[in-house]
Amino acid sequence: MTEPNLIQGRRHWIFDLDGTLTVSAHDFEHMRRELGLLPETPILEALHALPEEQAAPLWERLNELEFYYAGKASLMQGADELLQKLHEDGRQLAILTRNTMPVVKHTLEACAIDHFFPLEHILDRDSCMPKPSPDGIIHLLQFWQAQAEDTVMVGDYLYDLEAGKGAGVATIHLDMRGDVDWSQYTDIRVESLGEIIHYLQETK
């Protein structure tokens, strides 16, 4: 596990969206039923595996469902304070998500945090290979001309952490229940975003 004070000086911060910065309202099992998928099936991977003509209407329906749920999202406790702290410290902020850009914009606006993220710092599933691929993080590093050693990936799910490790950046796992062990891919595990602020304020 990485010592928490090693993230203090890192200037580039990449966040997952649903379940990390926002409390997702998504009912994924309902979405799977609407799409005719089996329970717990990875949705994006399942649609990509279908023939194009069969997948096309399902992608359209998925976009409708995601946009509907995006409007019901709420801000994660501590998110505004963390983003404000990082912004005031001059850190670069980005979002890497498996959603689409219209859904991301709708979610950020619904949660009133869109001002923290320039459009060019937001990568959706159409901008790069979706997580767990590290492609999106690598793209952001190249865009920023940043080093992996100066970058942090924050997320609540295994795909976020795998993407971070694949790109060689520090990973923070937001595990609000405190009962998930993905230590192989996790440098720091927190149960709230507020804990990250605490680490940033610690003296070296």
C-alpha atoms as a PDB file:
ATOM      1  CA  MET A   1       0.000   0.000   0.000  1.00  0.00           C
ATOM      2  CA  THR A   2       1.261   3.477  -0.865  1.00  0.00           C
ATOM      3  CA  GLU A   3       1.725   5.854   2.052  1.00  0.00           C
ATOM      4  CA  PRO A   4      -1.045   8.475   1.945  1.00  0.00           C
ATOM      5  CA  ASN A   5       1.408  11.403   2.029  1.00  0.00           C
ATOM      6  CA  LEU A   6       2.760  10.304  -1.349  1.00  0.00           C
ATOM      7  CA  ILE A   7      -0.371  11.701  -3.020  1.00  0.00           C
ATOM      8  CA  GLN A   8       0.029  15.171  -1.522  1.00  0.00           C
ATOM      9  CA  GLY A   9       2.165  16.635  -4.265  1.00  0.00           C
ATOM     10  CA  ARG A  10       0.512  14.911  -7.205  1.00  0.00           C
ATOM     11  CA  ARG A  11      -0.850  17.547  -9.547  1.00  0.00           C
ATOM     12  CA  HIS A  12      -3.114  15.505 -11.829  1.00  0.00           C
ATOM     13  CA  TRP A  13      -6.300  13.889 -10.517  1.00  0.00           C
ATOM     14  CA  ILE A  14      -8.638  11.661 -12.513  1.00  0.00           C
ATOM     15  CA  PHE A  15     -12.043  10.679 -11.148  1.00  0.00           C
ATOM     16  CA  ASP A  16     -14.635   8.098 -11.965  1.00  0.00           C
ATOM     17  CA  LEU A  17     -18.099   9.685 -11.959  1.00  0.00           C
ATOM     18  CA  ASP A  18     -20.992   7.422 -10.896  1.00  0.00           C
ATOM     19  CA  GLY A  19     -20.500   6.062  -7.397  1.00  0.00           C
ATOM     20  CA  THR A  20     -17.402   8.202  -6.844  1.00  0.00           C
ATOM     21  CA  LEU A  21     -18.174  11.903  -7.298  1.00  0.00           C
ATOM     22  CA  THR A  22     -21.907  11.253  -7.477  1.00  0.00           C
ATOM     23  CA  VAL A  23     -24.389   8.946  -5.826  1.00  0.00           C
ATOM     24  CA  SER A  24     -25.646   6.974  -8.773  1.00  0.00           C
ATOM     25  CA  ALA A  25     -29.376   6.426  -9.141  1.00  0.00           C
ATOM     26  CA  HIS A  26     -28.817   3.741 -11.763  1.00  0.00           C
ATOM     27  CA  ASP A  27     -30.764   0.516 -11.416  1.00  0.00           C
ATOM     28  CA  PHE A  28     -28.386  -1.621 -13.413  1.00  0.00           C
ATOM     29  CA  GLU A  29     -30.462  -4.789 -13.143  1.00  0.00           C
ATOM     30  CA  HIS A  30     -33.469  -2.917 -14.530  1.00  0.00           C
ATOM     31  CA  MET A  31     -31.255  -1.641 -17.338  1.00  0.00           C
ATOM     32  CA  ARG A  32     -30.062  -5.173 -18.084  1.00  0.00           C
ATOM     33  CA  ARG A  33     -33.642  -6.426 -18.206  1.00  0.00           C
ATOM     34  CA  GLU A  34     -34.573  -3.605 -20.589  1.00  0.00           C
ATOM     35  CA  LEU A  35     -31.674  -4.626 -22.814  1.00  0.00           C
ATOM     36  CA  GLY A  36     -32.409  -8.337 -22.590  1.00  0.00           C
ATOM     37  CA  LEU A  37     -29.174  -9.136 -20.775  1.00  0.00           C
ATOM     38  CA  LEU A  38     -28.588 -11.667 -18.030  1.00  0.00           C
ATOM     39  CA  PRO A  39     -28.136 -10.427 -14.432  1.00  0.00           C
ATOM     40  CA  GLU A  40     -24.677  -9.068 -13.581  1.00  0.00           C
ATOM     41  CA  THR A  41     -23.604  -9.087 -17.232  1.00  0.00           C
ATOM     42  CA  PRO A  42     -21.149  -6.237 -18.041  1.00  0.00           C
ATOM     43  CA  ILE A  43     -23.395  -4.070 -20.216  1.00  0.00           C
ATOM     44  CA  LEU A  44     -20.865  -2.396 -22.519  1.00  0.00           C
ATOM     45  CA  GLU A  45     -18.929  -5.568 -23.161  1.00  0.00           C
ATOM     46  CA  ALA A  46     -22.143  -7.492 -23.884  1.00  0.00           C
ATOM     47  CA  LEU A  47     -23.359  -4.951 -26.451  1.00  0.00           C
ATOM     48  CA  HIS A  48     -19.953  -4.740 -28.116  1.00  0.00           C
ATOM     49  CA  ALA A  49     -20.033  -8.524 -28.566  1.00  0.00           C
ATOM     50  CA  LEU A  50     -23.305  -8.409 -30.533  1.00  0.00           C
ATOM     51  CA  PRO A  51     -23.598  -8.013 -34.301  1.00  0.00           C
ATOM     52  CA  GLU A  52     -23.855  -4.338 -35.218  1.00  0.00           C
ATOM     53  CA  GLU A  53     -27.415  -4.501 -36.510  1.00  0.00           C
ATOM     54  CA  GLN A  54     -28.587  -6.250 -33.330  1.00  0.00           C
ATOM     55  CA  ALA A  55     -26.649  -3.931 -31.037  1.00  0.00           C
ATOM     56  CA  ALA A  56     -27.687  -0.617 -32.628  1.00  0.00           C
ATOM     57  CA  PRO A  57     -31.184  -0.334 -31.066  1.00  0.00           C
ATOM     58  CA  LEU A  58     -29.819  -1.575 -27.743  1.00  0.00           C
ATOM     59  CA  TRP A  59     -27.164   1.167 -27.713  1.00  0.00           C
ATOM     60  CA  GLU A  60     -29.923   3.692 -28.370  1.00  0.00           C
ATOM     61  CA  ARG A  61     -32.015   2.309 -25.525  1.00  0.00           C
ATOM     62  CA  LEU A  62     -28.977   2.256 -23.220  1.00  0.00           C
ATOM     63  CA  ASN A  63     -28.316   5.931 -23.959  1.00  0.00           C
ATOM     64  CA  GLU A  64     -31.941   6.753 -23.092  1.00  0.00           C
ATOM     65  CA  LEU A  65     -31.768   4.847 -19.811  1.00  0.00           C
ATOM     66  CA  GLU A  66     -28.454   6.388 -18.809  1.00  0.00           C
ATOM     67  CA  PHE A  67     -29.665   9.907 -19.557  1.00  0.00           C
ATOM     68  CA  TYR A  68     -32.801   9.303 -17.487  1.00  0.00           C
ATOM     69  CA  TYR A  69     -30.834   8.111 -14.469  1.00  0.00           C
ATOM     70  CA  ALA A  70     -28.222  10.874 -14.824  1.00  0.00           C
ATOM     71  CA  GLY A  71     -30.821  13.485 -13.948  1.00  0.00           C
ATOM     72  CA  LYS A  72     -31.498  11.687 -10.685  1.00  0.00           C
ATOM     73  CA  ALA A  73     -27.863  11.637  -9.543  1.00  0.00           C
ATOM     74  CA  SER A  74     -26.834  13.494  -6.396  1.00  0.00           C
ATOM     75  CA  LEU A  75     -23.475  14.749  -5.200  1.00  0.00           C
ATOM     76  CA  MET A  76     -21.377  12.381  -3.119  1.00  0.00           C
ATOM     77  CA  GLN A  77     -20.709  13.625   0.408  1.00  0.00           C
ATOM     78  CA  GLY A  78     -17.376  15.425   0.495  1.00  0.00           C
ATOM     79  CA  ALA A  79     -17.077  15.694  -3.294  1.00  0.00           C
ATOM     80  CA  ASP A  80     -17.533  19.450  -3.533  1.00  0.00           C
ATOM     81  CA  GLU A  81     -15.068  20.084  -0.709  1.00  0.00           C
ATOM     82  CA  LEU A  82     -12.453  17.770  -2.238  1.00  0.00           C
ATOM     83  CA  LEU A  83     -12.789  19.237  -5.709  1.00  0.00           C
ATOM     84  CA  GLN A  84     -12.642  22.769  -4.319  1.00  0.00           C
ATOM     85  CA  LYS A  85      -9.493  21.932  -2.338  1.00  0.00           C
ATOM     86  CA  LEU A  86      -7.779  20.393  -5.352  1.00  0.00           C
ATOM     87  CA  HIS A  87      -8.881  23.270  -7.587  1.00  0.00           C
ATOM     88  CA  GLU A  88      -7.589  25.894  -5.156  1.00  0.00           C
ATOM     89  CA  ASP A  89      -4.279  24.018  -4.956  1.00  0.00           C
ATOM     90  CA  GLY A  90      -3.927  24.296  -8.740  1.00  0.00           C
ATOM     91  CA  ARG A  91      -4.345  20.592  -9.508  1.00  0.00           C
ATOM     92  CA  GLN A  92      -5.578  19.428 -12.891  1.00  0.00           C
ATOM     93  CA  LEU A  93      -8.929  17.597 -12.648  1.00  0.00           C
ATOM     94  CA  ALA A  94     -10.391  15.101 -15.099  1.00  0.00           C
ATOM     95  CA  ILE A  95     -13.169  12.540 -15.407  1.00  0.00           C
ATOM     96  CA  LEU A  96     -12.835   9.089 -16.954  1.00  0.00           C
ATOM     97  CA  THR A  97     -16.171   7.316 -17.285  1.00  0.00           C
ATOM     98  CA  ARG A  98     -17.887   4.471 -19.110  1.00  0.00           C
ATOM     99  CA  ASN A  99     -20.860   6.780 -19.763  1.00  0.00           C
ATOM    100  CA  THR A 100     -21.432   8.947 -22.856  1.00  0.00           C
ATOM    101  CA  MET A 101     -20.691  12.669 -23.005  1.00  0.00           C
ATOM    102  CA  PRO A 102     -24.351  13.820 -22.928  1.00  0.00           C
ATOM    103  CA  VAL A 103     -24.917  11.693 -19.831  1.00  0.00           C
ATOM    104  CA  VAL A 104     -21.761  13.027 -18.178  1.00  0.00           C
ATOM    105  CA  LYS A 105     -22.748  16.635 -18.842  1.00  0.00           C
ATOM    106  CA  HIS A 106     -26.267  15.995 -17.552  1.00  0.00           C
ATOM    107  CA  THR A 107     -24.888  14.391 -14.385  1.00  0.00           C
ATOM    108  CA  LEU A 108     -22.336  17.134 -13.707  1.00  0.00           C
ATOM    109  CA  GLU A 109     -24.937  19.841 -14.208  1.00  0.00           C
ATOM    110  CA  ALA A 110     -27.459  18.035 -11.993  1.00  0.00           C
ATOM    111  CA  CYS A 111     -24.822  17.903  -9.243  1.00  0.00           C
ATOM    112  CA  ALA A 112     -23.502  21.454  -9.915  1.00  0.00           C
ATOM    113  CA  ILE A 113     -19.851  20.439 -10.298  1.00  0.00           C
ATOM    114  CA  ASP A 114     -19.503  20.953 -14.046  1.00  0.00           C
ATOM    115  CA  HIS A 115     -17.351  24.072 -13.500  1.00  0.00           C
ATOM    116  CA  PHE A 116     -14.499  21.940 -12.138  1.00  0.00           C
ATOM    117  CA  PHE A 117     -14.035  19.967 -15.363  1.00  0.00           C
ATOM    118  CA  PRO A 118     -13.117  21.520 -18.725  1.00  0.00           C
ATOM    119  CA  LEU A 119     -14.667  19.587 -21.585  1.00  0.00           C
ATOM    120  CA  GLU A 120     -11.243  18.496 -22.851  1.00  0.00           C
ATOM    121  CA  HIS A 121     -10.603  16.885 -19.435  1.00  0.00           C
ATOM    122  CA  ILE A 122     -13.611  14.559 -19.728  1.00  0.00           C
ATOM    123  CA  LEU A 123     -13.234  11.211 -21.472  1.00  0.00           C
ATOM    124  CA  ASP A 124     -16.315   9.101 -22.113  1.00  0.00           C
ATOM    125  CA  ARG A 125     -16.604   5.602 -23.522  1.00  0.00           C
ATOM    126  CA  ASP A 126     -16.508   6.949 -27.067  1.00  0.00           C
ATOM    127  CA  SER A 127     -13.297   8.923 -26.477  1.00  0.00           C
ATOM    128  CA  CYS A 128     -11.114   5.948 -25.577  1.00  0.00           C
ATOM    129  CA  MET A 129     -11.234   2.261 -24.762  1.00  0.00           C
ATOM    130  CA  PRO A 130     -13.466   1.981 -21.673  1.00  0.00           C
ATOM    131  CA  LYS A 131     -12.079   1.075 -18.269  1.00  0.00           C
ATOM    132  CA  PRO A 132     -10.579  -1.304 -17.183  1.00  0.00           C
ATOM    133  CA  SER A 133      -8.364  -0.385 -20.120  1.00  0.00           C
ATOM    134  CA  PRO A 134      -5.747   2.216 -19.111  1.00  0.00           C
ATOM    135  CA  ASP A 135      -6.201   3.910 -22.501  1.00  0.00           C
ATOM    136  CA  GLY A 136      -8.132   6.888 -21.139  1.00  0.00           C
ATOM    137  CA  ILE A 137      -5.606   7.627 -18.415  1.00  0.00           C
ATOM    138  CA  ILE A 138      -2.732   7.353 -20.869  1.00  0.00           C
ATOM    139  CA  HIS A 139      -4.571   9.750 -23.184  1.00  0.00           C
ATOM    140  CA  LEU A 140      -4.944  12.283 -20.359  1.00  0.00           C
ATOM    141  CA  LEU A 141      -1.280  11.949 -19.377  1.00  0.00           C
ATOM    142  CA  GLN A 142      -0.285  12.696 -22.956  1.00  0.00           C
ATOM    143  CA  PHE A 143      -2.713  15.619 -23.171  1.00  0.00           C
ATOM    144  CA  TRP A 144      -1.372  17.096 -19.927  1.00  0.00           C
ATOM    145  CA  GLN A 145       2.228  16.145 -20.779  1.00  0.00           C
ATOM    146  CA  ALA A 146       2.202  14.647 -17.285  1.00  0.00           C
ATOM    147  CA  GLN A 147       3.978  11.713 -15.684  1.00  0.00           C
ATOM    148  CA  ALA A 148       2.193   8.747 -14.119  1.00  0.00           C
ATOM    149  CA  GLU A 149       4.145   9.447 -10.927  1.00  0.00           C
ATOM    150  CA  ASP A 150       2.362  12.815 -10.716  1.00  0.00           C
ATOM    151  CA  THR A 151      -1.150  11.416 -11.215  1.00  0.00           C
ATOM    152  CA  VAL A 152      -3.945   9.857  -9.138  1.00  0.00           C
ATOM    153  CA  MET A 153      -6.975   7.794 -10.193  1.00  0.00           C
ATOM    154  CA  VAL A 154      -9.949   7.817  -7.801  1.00  0.00           C
ATOM    155  CA  GLY A 155     -12.812   5.350  -8.171  1.00  0.00           C
ATOM    156  CA  ASP A 156     -15.250   3.078  -6.411  1.00  0.00           C
ATOM    157  CA  TYR A 157     -15.038   0.032  -8.670  1.00  0.00           C
ATOM    158  CA  LEU A 158     -12.455  -2.522  -9.712  1.00  0.00           C
ATOM    159  CA  TYR A 159     -12.354  -1.244 -13.298  1.00  0.00           C
ATOM    160  CA  ASP A 160     -11.190   2.181 -12.066  1.00  0.00           C
ATOM    161  CA  LEU A 161      -8.370   0.653 -10.065  1.00  0.00           C
ATOM    162  CA  GLU A 162      -7.307  -1.743 -12.814  1.00  0.00           C
ATOM    163  CA  ALA A 163      -7.158   1.155 -15.269  1.00  0.00           C
ATOM    164  CA  GLY A 164      -5.073   3.168 -12.846  1.00  0.00           C
ATOM    165  CA  LYS A 165      -2.632   0.367 -12.179  1.00  0.00           C
ATOM    166  CA  GLY A 166      -2.409  -0.390 -15.885  1.00  0.00           C
ATOM    167  CA  ALA A 167      -1.323   3.205 -16.481  1.00  0.00           C
ATOM    168  CA  GLY A 168       1.078   3.244 -13.539  1.00  0.00           C
ATOM    169  CA  VAL A 169      -0.679   5.984 -11.545  1.00  0.00           C
ATOM    170  CA  ALA A 170      -1.572   6.002  -7.858  1.00  0.00           C
ATOM    171  CA  THR A 171      -5.013   4.564  -7.125  1.00  0.00           C
ATOM    172  CA  ILE A 172      -7.515   5.520  -4.428  1.00  0.00           C
ATOM    173  CA  HIS A 173     -10.402   3.141  -3.816  1.00  0.00           C
ATOM    174  CA  LEU A 174     -13.543   4.763  -2.408  1.00  0.00           C
ATOM    175  CA  ASP A 175     -15.021   1.855  -0.438  1.00  0.00           C
ATOM    176  CA  MET A 176     -17.844   3.402   1.573  1.00  0.00           C
ATOM    177  CA  ARG A 177     -18.889   0.110   3.158  1.00  0.00           C
ATOM    178  CA  GLY A 178     -15.313  -0.784   4.003  1.00  0.00           C
ATOM    179  CA  ASP A 179     -15.789  -4.405   3.017  1.00  0.00           C
ATOM    180  CA  VAL A 180     -14.162  -4.747  -0.416  1.00  0.00           C
ATOM    181  CA  ASP A 181     -10.564  -5.884  -0.764  1.00  0.00           C
ATOM    182  CA  TRP A 182      -9.021  -4.977  -4.085  1.00  0.00           C
ATOM    183  CA  SER A 183      -5.645  -4.374  -2.472  1.00  0.00           C
ATOM    184  CA  GLN A 184      -3.792  -5.760  -5.508  1.00  0.00           C
ATOM    185  CA  TYR A 185      -4.911  -2.682  -7.443  1.00  0.00           C
ATOM    186  CA  THR A 186      -5.275  -0.196  -4.576  1.00  0.00           C
ATOM    187  CA  ASP A 187      -2.702   2.147  -3.105  1.00  0.00           C
ATOM    188  CA  ILE A 188      -5.048   3.906  -0.684  1.00  0.00           C
ATOM    189  CA  ARG A 189      -8.492   2.792   0.459  1.00  0.00           C
ATOM    190  CA  VAL A 190     -10.876   5.362   1.946  1.00  0.00           C
ATOM    191  CA  GLU A 191     -14.460   5.156   3.146  1.00  0.00           C
ATOM    192  CA  SER A 192     -15.255   8.779   2.279  1.00  0.00           C
ATOM    193  CA  LEU A 193     -13.933  11.488   0.002  1.00  0.00           C
ATOM    194  CA  GLY A 194     -13.313  13.560   3.106  1.00  0.00           C
ATOM    195  CA  GLU A 195     -10.502  11.201   4.070  1.00  0.00           C
ATOM    196  CA  ILE A 196      -8.633  12.252   0.943  1.00  0.00           C
ATOM    197  CA  ILE A 197      -8.796  15.879   2.068  1.00  0.00           C
ATOM    198  CA  HIS A 198      -7.309  14.797   5.398  1.00  0.00           C
ATOM    199  CA  TYR A 199      -4.400  13.106   3.647  1.00  0.00           C
ATOM    200  CA  LEU A 200      -3.772  16.190   1.525  1.00  0.00           C
ATOM    201  CA  GLN A 201      -3.581  18.356   4.630  1.00  0.00           C
ATOM    202  CA  GLU A 202      -1.196  16.130   6.545  1.00  0.00           C
ATOM    203  CA  THR A 203       2.350  17.371   7.006  1.00  0.00           C
ATOM    204  CA  LYS A 204       5.109  15.436   5.365  1.00  0.00           C
END
